[in-house]
């Protein structure tokens, strides 16, 4: 997100010289696998899970970048007045910059997405902002709790394995214990 912020601050979406310079090249290196820790190019995966820190709120959210749906699904464990606009402002930077960088590094050709015929792409310019969809009806943390990280990781794990995120089965304390045990086991 720091790279996204720098690229967003430096370049305008209407700037025809987006590929001139160095910041977007740095982001393109992530997209093309050169700087990713998992060393997997984006065009070989279905979705990208992005953990986003909302510093103004001391809060974490999960953004799932779906190439097939051409949108960013946002999973936020906290709903309150005044919270939504701050989260949306952060995610909109991502939604603006990612399509421009995907276009600049020939992602759509590598992913074999036919921009002219794909139902989610055909009516849009490839540099148009990705849609942002706030997902609803899943467990929410209580006001004042600091469990957003546990919620976010659990959302990601459930989504990755294709499980439903059920409010009735969601116990943050048990999940904290589970993740602590997993980390301890990995350390050993």
N, C-alpha and C. Protein backbone atom coordinates (compact mmCIF):
# COMPACT_ATOMS: atom_id res chain seq x y z
N UNK A 1 0.83 -1.20 0.00
CA UNK A 1 0.00 0.00 0.00
C UNK A 1 0.87 1.26 0.00
N UNK A 2 2.07 1.18 0.56
CA UNK A 2 2.96 2.35 0.50
C UNK A 2 3.35 2.65 -0.94
N UNK A 3 3.61 1.60 -1.72
CA UNK A 3 3.95 1.79 -3.13
C UNK A 3 2.76 2.38 -3.88
N UNK A 4 1.56 1.84 -3.61
CA UNK A 4 0.34 2.35 -4.25
C UNK A 4 0.17 3.82 -3.92
N UNK A 5 0.37 4.20 -2.66
CA UNK A 5 0.20 5.60 -2.26
C UNK A 5 1.17 6.51 -3.01
N UNK A 6 2.43 6.09 -3.11
CA UNK A 6 3.43 6.91 -3.81
C UNK A 6 3.06 7.06 -5.28
N UNK A 7 2.70 5.93 -5.92
CA UNK A 7 2.34 6.00 -7.33
C UNK A 7 1.11 6.87 -7.53
N UNK A 8 0.13 6.71 -6.65
CA UNK A 8 -1.09 7.50 -6.76
C UNK A 8 -0.81 8.99 -6.56
N UNK A 9 0.04 9.32 -5.60
CA UNK A 9 0.35 10.72 -5.33
C UNK A 9 1.17 11.37 -6.45
N UNK A 10 2.02 10.58 -7.10
CA UNK A 10 2.91 11.12 -8.12
C UNK A 10 2.21 11.26 -9.47
N UNK A 11 1.37 10.28 -9.81
CA UNK A 11 0.78 10.25 -11.14
C UNK A 11 -0.72 10.48 -11.09
N UNK A 12 -1.22 11.19 -12.03
CA UNK A 12 -2.65 11.39 -12.20
C UNK A 12 -3.18 10.26 -13.07
N UNK A 13 -4.42 9.88 -12.85
CA UNK A 13 -5.03 8.83 -13.66
C UNK A 13 -5.11 9.27 -15.11
N UNK A 14 -5.22 10.57 -15.37
CA UNK A 14 -5.32 11.09 -16.73
C UNK A 14 -3.95 11.32 -17.37
N UNK A 15 -2.88 11.03 -16.65
CA UNK A 15 -1.54 11.27 -17.16
C UNK A 15 -1.20 10.27 -18.27
N UNK A 16 -0.95 10.75 -19.45
CA UNK A 16 -0.63 9.86 -20.57
C UNK A 16 0.78 9.28 -20.46
N UNK A 17 1.60 9.83 -19.58
CA UNK A 17 2.99 9.36 -19.42
C UNK A 17 3.15 8.48 -18.18
N UNK A 18 2.14 7.67 -17.89
CA UNK A 18 2.18 6.86 -16.68
C UNK A 18 3.41 5.96 -16.62
N UNK A 19 3.84 5.43 -17.74
CA UNK A 19 4.95 4.48 -17.71
C UNK A 19 6.31 5.15 -17.70
N UNK A 20 6.35 6.46 -17.72
CA UNK A 20 7.62 7.17 -17.68
C UNK A 20 8.00 7.35 -16.21
N UNK A 21 9.20 7.03 -15.83
CA UNK A 21 9.63 7.22 -14.46
C UNK A 21 9.91 5.89 -13.79
N UNK A 22 9.94 5.89 -12.44
CA UNK A 22 10.35 4.69 -11.75
C UNK A 22 9.35 4.07 -10.80
N UNK A 23 8.42 4.84 -10.23
CA UNK A 23 7.55 4.29 -9.20
C UNK A 23 6.63 3.19 -9.73
N UNK A 24 6.01 3.41 -10.89
CA UNK A 24 5.12 2.39 -11.43
C UNK A 24 5.90 1.17 -11.90
N UNK A 25 7.15 1.36 -12.30
CA UNK A 25 7.99 0.23 -12.69
C UNK A 25 8.23 -0.66 -11.48
N UNK A 26 8.40 -0.05 -10.31
CA UNK A 26 8.59 -0.79 -9.07
C UNK A 26 7.36 -1.65 -8.79
N UNK A 27 6.15 -1.08 -8.94
CA UNK A 27 4.92 -1.83 -8.73
C UNK A 27 4.78 -2.93 -9.78
N UNK A 28 5.13 -2.65 -11.01
CA UNK A 28 5.06 -3.66 -12.07
C UNK A 28 5.98 -4.84 -11.78
N UNK A 29 7.09 -4.61 -11.09
CA UNK A 29 7.97 -5.71 -10.72
C UNK A 29 7.27 -6.67 -9.77
N UNK A 30 6.40 -6.15 -8.89
CA UNK A 30 5.61 -7.01 -8.02
C UNK A 30 4.62 -7.82 -8.86
N UNK A 31 3.94 -7.15 -9.76
CA UNK A 31 2.94 -7.80 -10.60
C UNK A 31 3.56 -8.91 -11.43
N UNK A 32 4.76 -8.71 -11.91
CA UNK A 32 5.43 -9.68 -12.78
C UNK A 32 6.30 -10.68 -12.03
N UNK A 33 6.23 -10.73 -10.73
CA UNK A 33 6.84 -11.71 -9.83
C UNK A 33 8.23 -11.35 -9.32
N UNK A 34 8.83 -10.29 -9.77
CA UNK A 34 10.22 -10.06 -9.43
C UNK A 34 10.46 -9.63 -7.98
N UNK A 35 9.47 -9.07 -7.32
CA UNK A 35 9.66 -8.61 -5.95
C UNK A 35 8.73 -9.28 -4.94
N UNK A 36 7.91 -10.19 -5.39
CA UNK A 36 6.97 -10.84 -4.49
C UNK A 36 7.68 -11.90 -3.66
N UNK A 37 7.28 -12.03 -2.40
CA UNK A 37 7.90 -13.02 -1.53
C UNK A 37 7.57 -14.44 -1.99
N UNK A 38 6.37 -14.64 -2.55
CA UNK A 38 5.97 -15.97 -2.99
C UNK A 38 6.48 -16.28 -4.39
N UNK A 39 7.01 -15.29 -5.09
CA UNK A 39 7.56 -15.43 -6.44
C UNK A 39 6.53 -16.09 -7.37
N UNK A 40 5.35 -15.53 -7.39
CA UNK A 40 4.29 -16.01 -8.27
C UNK A 40 3.76 -14.81 -9.04
N UNK A 41 3.88 -14.84 -10.36
CA UNK A 41 3.35 -13.71 -11.13
C UNK A 41 1.83 -13.65 -11.03
N UNK A 42 1.29 -12.44 -11.02
CA UNK A 42 -0.14 -12.25 -10.82
C UNK A 42 -0.98 -12.92 -11.89
N UNK A 43 -0.48 -13.03 -13.10
CA UNK A 43 -1.32 -13.60 -14.16
C UNK A 43 -1.53 -15.10 -14.00
N UNK A 44 -0.84 -15.73 -13.06
CA UNK A 44 -1.00 -17.17 -12.86
C UNK A 44 -1.96 -17.52 -11.73
N UNK A 45 -2.52 -16.53 -11.06
CA UNK A 45 -3.43 -16.79 -9.94
C UNK A 45 -4.81 -16.23 -10.22
N UNK A 46 -5.79 -16.74 -9.48
CA UNK A 46 -7.18 -16.31 -9.66
C UNK A 46 -7.42 -14.94 -9.02
N UNK A 47 -7.02 -14.79 -7.77
CA UNK A 47 -7.24 -13.56 -7.00
C UNK A 47 -5.97 -13.19 -6.25
N UNK A 48 -5.90 -11.93 -5.87
CA UNK A 48 -4.80 -11.44 -5.03
C UNK A 48 -5.41 -10.96 -3.71
N UNK A 49 -4.87 -11.44 -2.60
CA UNK A 49 -5.31 -11.02 -1.27
C UNK A 49 -4.35 -9.94 -0.80
N UNK A 50 -4.92 -8.78 -0.49
CA UNK A 50 -4.11 -7.64 -0.07
C UNK A 50 -4.54 -7.22 1.33
N UNK A 51 -3.61 -7.25 2.25
CA UNK A 51 -3.88 -6.81 3.61
C UNK A 51 -3.62 -5.31 3.67
N UNK A 52 -4.63 -4.56 4.03
CA UNK A 52 -4.54 -3.10 3.97
C UNK A 52 -4.65 -2.52 5.38
N UNK A 53 -3.65 -1.74 5.75
CA UNK A 53 -3.66 -1.05 7.04
C UNK A 53 -4.25 0.34 6.85
N UNK A 54 -5.31 0.62 7.59
CA UNK A 54 -5.93 1.95 7.60
C UNK A 54 -5.34 2.67 8.82
N UNK A 55 -4.23 3.35 8.60
CA UNK A 55 -3.47 3.94 9.70
C UNK A 55 -4.28 4.94 10.52
N UNK A 56 -5.14 5.70 9.84
CA UNK A 56 -5.95 6.71 10.54
C UNK A 56 -6.88 6.07 11.56
N UNK A 57 -7.24 4.83 11.35
CA UNK A 57 -8.17 4.13 12.24
C UNK A 57 -7.50 3.03 13.06
N UNK A 58 -6.18 2.85 12.89
CA UNK A 58 -5.47 1.75 13.55
C UNK A 58 -6.22 0.44 13.28
N UNK A 59 -6.43 0.16 12.01
CA UNK A 59 -7.33 -0.92 11.62
C UNK A 59 -6.82 -1.62 10.36
N UNK A 60 -7.11 -2.90 10.27
CA UNK A 60 -6.74 -3.70 9.10
C UNK A 60 -8.00 -4.18 8.39
N UNK A 61 -7.97 -4.19 7.06
CA UNK A 61 -9.05 -4.76 6.25
C UNK A 61 -8.42 -5.69 5.21
N UNK A 62 -9.24 -6.55 4.66
CA UNK A 62 -8.80 -7.47 3.62
C UNK A 62 -9.43 -7.03 2.30
N UNK A 63 -8.59 -6.79 1.31
CA UNK A 63 -9.05 -6.48 -0.04
C UNK A 63 -8.69 -7.67 -0.93
N UNK A 64 -9.68 -8.19 -1.65
CA UNK A 64 -9.45 -9.30 -2.55
C UNK A 64 -9.63 -8.78 -3.97
N UNK A 65 -8.53 -8.74 -4.69
CA UNK A 65 -8.51 -8.26 -6.06
C UNK A 65 -8.90 -9.41 -6.98
N UNK A 66 -10.09 -9.31 -7.58
CA UNK A 66 -10.58 -10.37 -8.46
C UNK A 66 -10.43 -9.91 -9.91
N UNK A 67 -9.61 -10.62 -10.66
CA UNK A 67 -9.40 -10.27 -12.06
C UNK A 67 -10.60 -10.66 -12.91
N UNK A 68 -11.23 -11.80 -12.60
CA UNK A 68 -12.37 -12.26 -13.38
C UNK A 68 -13.57 -11.32 -13.21
N UNK A 69 -13.81 -10.87 -11.98
CA UNK A 69 -14.94 -9.96 -11.70
C UNK A 69 -14.59 -8.50 -11.94
N UNK A 70 -13.33 -8.21 -12.15
CA UNK A 70 -12.83 -6.84 -12.34
C UNK A 70 -13.27 -5.92 -11.19
N UNK A 71 -13.03 -6.40 -9.99
CA UNK A 71 -13.39 -5.59 -8.83
C UNK A 71 -12.52 -5.96 -7.63
N UNK A 72 -12.65 -5.14 -6.62
CA UNK A 72 -11.98 -5.39 -5.35
C UNK A 72 -13.06 -5.65 -4.32
N UNK A 73 -13.07 -6.86 -3.78
CA UNK A 73 -14.01 -7.20 -2.71
C UNK A 73 -13.36 -6.80 -1.40
N UNK A 74 -14.07 -6.03 -0.60
CA UNK A 74 -13.51 -5.52 0.64
C UNK A 74 -14.17 -6.18 1.84
N UNK A 75 -13.36 -6.74 2.71
CA UNK A 75 -13.83 -7.40 3.92
C UNK A 75 -13.35 -6.57 5.10
N UNK A 76 -14.29 -5.95 5.79
CA UNK A 76 -13.99 -5.07 6.91
C UNK A 76 -14.73 -5.58 8.13
N UNK A 77 -14.03 -5.76 9.21
CA UNK A 77 -14.63 -6.34 10.42
C UNK A 77 -15.26 -5.30 11.33
N UNK A 78 -15.30 -4.05 10.90
CA UNK A 78 -15.84 -3.01 11.78
C UNK A 78 -16.71 -2.05 10.98
N UNK A 79 -17.94 -1.89 11.43
CA UNK A 79 -18.86 -0.95 10.79
C UNK A 79 -19.25 0.11 11.81
N UNK A 80 -19.08 1.37 11.41
CA UNK A 80 -19.54 2.48 12.24
C UNK A 80 -19.62 3.72 11.38
N UNK A 81 -20.33 4.72 11.86
CA UNK A 81 -20.41 5.96 11.09
C UNK A 81 -19.03 6.63 11.08
N UNK A 82 -18.64 7.16 9.95
CA UNK A 82 -17.35 7.81 9.80
C UNK A 82 -16.23 6.86 9.42
N UNK A 83 -16.45 5.59 9.56
CA UNK A 83 -15.42 4.58 9.25
C UNK A 83 -15.35 4.29 7.75
N UNK A 84 -16.50 4.11 7.13
CA UNK A 84 -16.61 3.73 5.72
C UNK A 84 -15.87 4.69 4.79
N UNK A 85 -16.05 6.02 4.88
CA UNK A 85 -15.37 6.92 3.95
C UNK A 85 -13.84 6.86 4.02
N UNK A 86 -13.29 6.65 5.18
CA UNK A 86 -11.83 6.58 5.34
C UNK A 86 -11.30 5.31 4.69
N UNK A 87 -11.99 4.19 4.91
CA UNK A 87 -11.59 2.92 4.30
C UNK A 87 -11.71 3.01 2.78
N UNK A 88 -12.84 3.54 2.31
CA UNK A 88 -13.07 3.66 0.87
C UNK A 88 -12.02 4.54 0.20
N UNK A 89 -11.63 5.64 0.83
CA UNK A 89 -10.60 6.52 0.26
C UNK A 89 -9.29 5.78 0.06
N UNK A 90 -8.92 4.93 0.99
CA UNK A 90 -7.68 4.15 0.89
C UNK A 90 -7.78 3.11 -0.23
N UNK A 91 -8.90 2.43 -0.30
CA UNK A 91 -9.08 1.36 -1.29
C UNK A 91 -9.23 1.95 -2.69
N UNK A 92 -9.82 3.13 -2.82
CA UNK A 92 -9.96 3.75 -4.14
C UNK A 92 -8.60 4.05 -4.78
N UNK A 93 -7.60 4.36 -3.98
CA UNK A 93 -6.25 4.54 -4.52
C UNK A 93 -5.78 3.25 -5.18
N UNK A 94 -6.03 2.15 -4.52
CA UNK A 94 -5.68 0.85 -5.07
C UNK A 94 -6.47 0.58 -6.35
N UNK A 95 -7.76 0.88 -6.32
CA UNK A 95 -8.65 0.63 -7.46
C UNK A 95 -8.28 1.48 -8.68
N UNK A 96 -7.66 2.63 -8.48
CA UNK A 96 -7.24 3.49 -9.58
C UNK A 96 -5.89 3.07 -10.17
N UNK A 97 -4.95 2.75 -9.33
CA UNK A 97 -3.58 2.49 -9.77
C UNK A 97 -3.40 1.09 -10.35
N UNK A 98 -3.99 0.08 -9.75
CA UNK A 98 -3.78 -1.29 -10.20
C UNK A 98 -4.12 -1.48 -11.68
N UNK A 99 -5.28 -1.02 -12.19
CA UNK A 99 -5.55 -1.24 -13.63
C UNK A 99 -4.53 -0.57 -14.54
N UNK A 100 -4.04 0.58 -14.16
CA UNK A 100 -3.04 1.26 -14.98
C UNK A 100 -1.74 0.47 -15.04
N UNK A 101 -1.34 -0.08 -13.90
CA UNK A 101 -0.11 -0.87 -13.87
C UNK A 101 -0.29 -2.20 -14.57
N UNK A 102 -1.48 -2.80 -14.46
CA UNK A 102 -1.74 -4.06 -15.16
C UNK A 102 -1.64 -3.85 -16.66
N UNK A 103 -2.17 -2.75 -17.13
CA UNK A 103 -2.12 -2.41 -18.55
C UNK A 103 -0.68 -2.17 -18.99
N UNK A 104 0.08 -1.47 -18.17
CA UNK A 104 1.45 -1.12 -18.53
C UNK A 104 2.38 -2.33 -18.61
N UNK A 105 2.07 -3.39 -17.88
CA UNK A 105 2.96 -4.57 -17.90
C UNK A 105 2.38 -5.73 -18.69
N UNK A 106 1.43 -5.45 -19.59
CA UNK A 106 0.83 -6.46 -20.46
C UNK A 106 0.19 -7.61 -19.70
N UNK A 107 -0.34 -7.30 -18.53
CA UNK A 107 -0.99 -8.32 -17.69
C UNK A 107 -2.16 -8.98 -18.41
N UNK A 108 -3.00 -8.19 -19.06
CA UNK A 108 -4.21 -8.73 -19.68
C UNK A 108 -3.89 -9.74 -20.77
N UNK A 109 -2.82 -9.52 -21.52
CA UNK A 109 -2.39 -10.50 -22.52
C UNK A 109 -1.88 -11.78 -21.85
N UNK A 110 -1.08 -11.61 -20.80
CA UNK A 110 -0.54 -12.77 -20.10
C UNK A 110 -1.64 -13.59 -19.43
N UNK A 111 -2.66 -12.92 -18.91
CA UNK A 111 -3.77 -13.59 -18.22
C UNK A 111 -4.79 -14.12 -19.23
N UNK A 112 -4.60 -13.73 -20.48
CA UNK A 112 -5.51 -14.11 -21.58
C UNK A 112 -6.93 -13.63 -21.32
N UNK A 113 -7.03 -12.36 -20.90
CA UNK A 113 -8.32 -11.71 -20.73
C UNK A 113 -8.59 -10.91 -21.99
N UNK A 114 -9.64 -11.28 -22.69
CA UNK A 114 -10.03 -10.60 -23.92
C UNK A 114 -10.83 -9.35 -23.52
N UNK A 115 -10.17 -8.21 -23.51
CA UNK A 115 -10.80 -6.97 -23.05
C UNK A 115 -12.01 -6.57 -23.89
N UNK A 116 -12.05 -6.98 -25.14
CA UNK A 116 -13.15 -6.61 -26.03
C UNK A 116 -14.39 -7.46 -25.79
N UNK A 117 -14.23 -8.69 -25.31
CA UNK A 117 -15.36 -9.61 -25.19
C UNK A 117 -15.69 -10.07 -23.78
N UNK A 118 -14.80 -9.86 -22.84
CA UNK A 118 -15.05 -10.29 -21.47
C UNK A 118 -16.19 -9.45 -20.89
N UNK A 119 -17.21 -10.07 -20.27
CA UNK A 119 -18.37 -9.31 -19.80
C UNK A 119 -18.06 -8.20 -18.80
N UNK A 120 -17.02 -8.35 -18.00
CA UNK A 120 -16.67 -7.33 -17.00
C UNK A 120 -15.74 -6.24 -17.55
N UNK A 121 -15.13 -6.47 -18.70
CA UNK A 121 -14.15 -5.54 -19.25
C UNK A 121 -14.62 -4.83 -20.51
N UNK A 122 -15.52 -5.44 -21.25
CA UNK A 122 -15.84 -4.95 -22.60
C UNK A 122 -16.43 -3.54 -22.64
N UNK A 123 -17.14 -3.11 -21.61
CA UNK A 123 -17.74 -1.78 -21.61
C UNK A 123 -16.88 -0.74 -20.91
N UNK A 124 -15.67 -1.11 -20.55
CA UNK A 124 -14.79 -0.21 -19.82
C UNK A 124 -13.45 -0.10 -20.52
N UNK A 125 -12.81 1.00 -20.30
CA UNK A 125 -11.44 1.17 -20.76
C UNK A 125 -10.55 0.39 -19.80
N UNK A 126 -9.49 -0.20 -20.28
CA UNK A 126 -8.64 -1.03 -19.42
C UNK A 126 -7.99 -0.22 -18.30
N UNK A 127 -7.96 1.09 -18.41
CA UNK A 127 -7.39 1.91 -17.35
C UNK A 127 -8.45 2.43 -16.37
N UNK A 128 -9.73 2.10 -16.60
CA UNK A 128 -10.78 2.52 -15.67
C UNK A 128 -10.58 1.87 -14.31
N UNK A 129 -11.02 2.56 -13.29
CA UNK A 129 -10.93 2.09 -11.92
C UNK A 129 -11.65 0.74 -11.75
N UNK A 130 -11.08 -0.15 -10.97
CA UNK A 130 -11.78 -1.38 -10.60
C UNK A 130 -12.94 -1.01 -9.69
N UNK A 131 -14.03 -1.75 -9.77
CA UNK A 131 -15.15 -1.54 -8.85
C UNK A 131 -14.72 -1.98 -7.46
N UNK A 132 -15.30 -1.35 -6.44
CA UNK A 132 -15.03 -1.72 -5.06
C UNK A 132 -16.37 -2.14 -4.44
N UNK A 133 -16.41 -3.36 -3.92
CA UNK A 133 -17.63 -3.89 -3.32
C UNK A 133 -17.36 -4.26 -1.87
N UNK A 134 -18.08 -3.60 -0.96
CA UNK A 134 -17.99 -3.94 0.45
C UNK A 134 -18.82 -5.19 0.68
N UNK A 135 -18.21 -6.24 1.17
CA UNK A 135 -18.93 -7.48 1.48
C UNK A 135 -19.64 -7.33 2.81
N UNK A 136 -20.80 -7.96 2.91
CA UNK A 136 -21.62 -7.83 4.11
C UNK A 136 -21.99 -9.20 4.64
N UNK A 137 -22.64 -9.19 5.80
CA UNK A 137 -23.18 -10.40 6.44
C UNK A 137 -22.10 -11.40 6.84
N UNK A 138 -21.11 -10.90 7.51
CA UNK A 138 -20.09 -11.77 8.08
C UNK A 138 -19.70 -11.20 9.43
N UNK A 139 -18.99 -11.93 10.27
CA UNK A 139 -18.73 -11.51 11.64
C UNK A 139 -18.09 -10.12 11.74
N UNK A 140 -18.55 -9.37 12.73
CA UNK A 140 -18.03 -8.04 13.00
C UNK A 140 -17.46 -8.00 14.41
N UNK A 141 -16.36 -7.26 14.54
CA UNK A 141 -15.76 -7.12 15.87
C UNK A 141 -16.58 -6.11 16.67
N UNK A 142 -16.55 -6.25 17.97
CA UNK A 142 -17.27 -5.32 18.83
C UNK A 142 -16.52 -4.00 18.90
N UNK A 143 -17.26 -2.94 19.17
CA UNK A 143 -16.67 -1.61 19.26
C UNK A 143 -15.61 -1.57 20.35
N UNK A 144 -14.46 -1.02 20.02
CA UNK A 144 -13.39 -0.89 20.99
C UNK A 144 -12.46 -2.08 21.06
N UNK A 145 -12.80 -3.19 20.41
CA UNK A 145 -11.90 -4.34 20.45
C UNK A 145 -10.76 -4.13 19.45
N UNK A 146 -9.68 -4.80 19.67
CA UNK A 146 -8.52 -4.68 18.80
C UNK A 146 -8.27 -5.99 18.06
N UNK A 147 -9.36 -6.64 17.64
CA UNK A 147 -9.26 -7.95 17.01
C UNK A 147 -9.30 -7.90 15.49
N UNK A 148 -9.13 -6.74 14.87
CA UNK A 148 -9.28 -6.65 13.41
C UNK A 148 -8.32 -7.58 12.68
N UNK A 149 -7.12 -7.77 13.20
CA UNK A 149 -6.16 -8.66 12.56
C UNK A 149 -6.63 -10.10 12.56
N UNK A 150 -7.20 -10.56 13.65
CA UNK A 150 -7.72 -11.93 13.75
C UNK A 150 -8.88 -12.10 12.77
N UNK A 151 -9.76 -11.12 12.71
CA UNK A 151 -10.88 -11.19 11.79
C UNK A 151 -10.38 -11.24 10.34
N UNK A 152 -9.45 -10.37 10.02
CA UNK A 152 -8.94 -10.28 8.65
C UNK A 152 -8.27 -11.59 8.23
N UNK A 153 -7.44 -12.14 9.06
CA UNK A 153 -6.75 -13.39 8.75
C UNK A 153 -7.74 -14.54 8.63
N UNK A 154 -8.75 -14.56 9.48
CA UNK A 154 -9.76 -15.61 9.41
C UNK A 154 -10.58 -15.49 8.13
N UNK A 155 -10.95 -14.25 7.76
CA UNK A 155 -11.65 -14.04 6.48
C UNK A 155 -10.81 -14.59 5.33
N UNK A 156 -9.53 -14.22 5.31
CA UNK A 156 -8.65 -14.66 4.22
C UNK A 156 -8.54 -16.18 4.18
N UNK A 157 -8.38 -16.80 5.34
CA UNK A 157 -8.26 -18.25 5.39
C UNK A 157 -9.54 -18.92 4.89
N UNK A 158 -10.69 -18.46 5.35
CA UNK A 158 -11.96 -19.04 4.90
C UNK A 158 -12.16 -18.87 3.40
N UNK A 159 -11.90 -17.69 2.90
CA UNK A 159 -12.06 -17.43 1.47
C UNK A 159 -11.11 -18.28 0.65
N UNK A 160 -9.87 -18.39 1.09
CA UNK A 160 -8.87 -19.16 0.36
C UNK A 160 -9.27 -20.63 0.23
N UNK A 161 -9.80 -21.19 1.32
CA UNK A 161 -10.17 -22.60 1.32
C UNK A 161 -11.61 -22.84 0.87
N UNK A 162 -12.32 -21.75 0.49
CA UNK A 162 -13.68 -21.89 -0.01
C UNK A 162 -14.73 -22.15 1.05
N UNK A 163 -14.43 -21.79 2.30
CA UNK A 163 -15.39 -21.98 3.39
C UNK A 163 -16.23 -20.72 3.57
N UNK A 164 -17.42 -20.89 4.10
CA UNK A 164 -18.25 -19.74 4.43
C UNK A 164 -17.78 -19.16 5.75
N UNK A 165 -17.93 -17.85 5.88
CA UNK A 165 -17.57 -17.16 7.12
C UNK A 165 -18.86 -17.03 7.92
N UNK A 166 -19.01 -17.84 8.97
CA UNK A 166 -20.24 -17.87 9.73
C UNK A 166 -20.09 -17.14 11.05
N UNK A 167 -21.02 -16.24 11.34
CA UNK A 167 -20.99 -15.49 12.59
C UNK A 167 -21.14 -16.40 13.80
N UNK A 168 -21.94 -17.44 13.66
CA UNK A 168 -22.20 -18.31 14.81
C UNK A 168 -20.96 -19.10 15.24
N UNK A 169 -20.09 -19.40 14.31
CA UNK A 169 -18.89 -20.17 14.61
C UNK A 169 -17.67 -19.29 14.89
N UNK A 170 -17.85 -18.00 14.98
CA UNK A 170 -16.73 -17.08 15.06
C UNK A 170 -16.48 -16.68 16.51
N UNK A 171 -15.42 -17.19 17.09
CA UNK A 171 -15.03 -16.85 18.45
C UNK A 171 -13.61 -16.28 18.41
N UNK A 172 -13.48 -14.93 18.51
CA UNK A 172 -12.16 -14.31 18.39
C UNK A 172 -11.13 -14.84 19.38
N UNK A 173 -11.55 -15.14 20.61
CA UNK A 173 -10.61 -15.64 21.61
C UNK A 173 -10.08 -17.02 21.22
N UNK A 174 -10.96 -17.88 20.74
CA UNK A 174 -10.54 -19.21 20.32
C UNK A 174 -9.63 -19.11 19.09
N UNK A 175 -9.94 -18.19 18.20
CA UNK A 175 -9.11 -18.00 17.00
C UNK A 175 -7.72 -17.47 17.37
N UNK A 176 -7.65 -16.55 18.33
CA UNK A 176 -6.35 -16.05 18.79
C UNK A 176 -5.51 -17.20 19.35
N UNK A 177 -6.14 -18.06 20.14
CA UNK A 177 -5.45 -19.21 20.71
C UNK A 177 -4.98 -20.15 19.59
N UNK A 178 -5.85 -20.39 18.60
CA UNK A 178 -5.49 -21.26 17.48
C UNK A 178 -4.29 -20.71 16.72
N UNK A 179 -4.32 -19.41 16.39
CA UNK A 179 -3.22 -18.82 15.63
C UNK A 179 -1.93 -18.78 16.45
N UNK A 180 -2.04 -18.54 17.76
CA UNK A 180 -0.85 -18.57 18.61
C UNK A 180 -0.24 -19.97 18.63
N UNK A 181 -1.09 -21.00 18.70
CA UNK A 181 -0.60 -22.37 18.69
C UNK A 181 0.06 -22.71 17.35
N UNK A 182 -0.54 -22.26 16.26
CA UNK A 182 0.06 -22.50 14.94
C UNK A 182 1.42 -21.82 14.82
N UNK A 183 1.51 -20.58 15.28
CA UNK A 183 2.80 -19.87 15.23
C UNK A 183 3.84 -20.57 16.11
N UNK A 184 3.43 -21.02 17.29
CA UNK A 184 4.34 -21.74 18.17
C UNK A 184 4.83 -23.01 17.50
N UNK A 185 3.89 -23.75 16.88
CA UNK A 185 4.24 -25.00 16.20
C UNK A 185 5.20 -24.73 15.03
N UNK A 186 4.95 -23.69 14.26
CA UNK A 186 5.84 -23.35 13.14
C UNK A 186 7.23 -22.96 13.65
N UNK A 187 7.28 -22.27 14.78
CA UNK A 187 8.55 -21.86 15.34
C UNK A 187 9.38 -23.07 15.75
N UNK A 188 8.73 -24.05 16.31
CA UNK A 188 9.43 -25.27 16.75
C UNK A 188 9.90 -26.03 15.54
